[in-house]
Structures are given as C-alpha cells and as structure tokens.
C-alpha cells in the first residue's frame, strides 16, 4: 500500500510536468522568425496532427445564406410527367393565378389557376391541384386537376383518375381513366383513310 504522502508527491510531480509542457507550448516564438515574411513560393506549414483541414475547393456553408442566382441560360428543367414527350418549358406555380392568353412553343405545366386561353405547340399538363377555366389548344393534353372549358387537341387527351373535365373535347384520341369525371361532349377527329395515306 502506498502512503498518502507518496501519493501526494506523485500527483505534484505529474502536475509539474503538465505545467512545463504548457509553458513550452505558450512560449512566444523569436521575433526574427515571427517578423520574417513568407517566401513567395513557400509551401504552407503542415497542420497539427489533431486538426482537420477542409479542402480549399469547398466554400464555407453558412446557414441562411442566399442560394446562387442562375443566369437566363441556366434555366432549370422541370421533370416531365409520365406520358409526356420532352421537358416542360413553362410552369404556372401552385400559388400563381393567371388571367388572359398564354401561348408557348413548348410544353406547359399548370399547378395554379388559369382563366382565359391556353395555346401550346407541345403538351398542356393540368396538375392535381390546378384549376383551368379556359379554352385549351395543344398537341397533347393531360388532365389531373379541374378543366372547365373547351379542349382542342390534334393528339391525345387523357383524363387521369383525379381529373375533372366539364365542357367540350375535340381530340384525335380520348382516354378517360377509371375514377375520372367528364361532363360534356366529345368529338374525335376522323383518322385519314388508307387511300389518303398511300397518296
């Protein structure tokens, strides 16, 4: 068994060694070394072994910092909807109301409210929460929301299970899925005869 006196001596010796190590770390460097400028192509000093250094290619991330703005050529592309060819070029947001005539060369996706007239050379997609009270002219129309008006389409009109259509539909093909609602009249374009195709 160790005596209390020897324990105290060991503890004092340990504290003294610890204090000496601390004094060495805190000792100021020589003024000549501190004031000497770095050589132009000097390699940076290696960090202490217990320090983690992030690569310089990454910018620091600060919480609440604004996202970088994109230029006009960096327009984000909206993901397509199943059954639609190509990307959506025009998007009417969920909290957006538009009144008037909307014309686009590409596909249009509507999540908000539109009143008036919609013309597209591509597809018109009416999302589940969207409300459209307009005349819609497009090469393809997909309705998952509410459309109250007239739809004129050279290609296919598809009413999804959540879709509601009131009005008149003129289309090359009409698909009404189970659960969908359609109240109005529909006219299908007559396909060209085999003789007309051969001519």
Foldseek 3Di string as FASTA:
>chain_A
DDDPVVVVVVVVVVVVVVVVVVCVVPDDDDPVVVPDDDPPPDDDDDDPPVDDDDDPVDDDDDPPDDDDDDDPVPDDWDDDDPPFPDTADAEQDLPHEEEEEAEDAEEYEYNHEYEEEYYYAGEYEYDQNYEYEYEYEYQEYEFQHEYEEEYEHAAEYEYDLNGEYEEEYEYQYYHYDPNYYYHYYYHHDDDDDPVVVVD
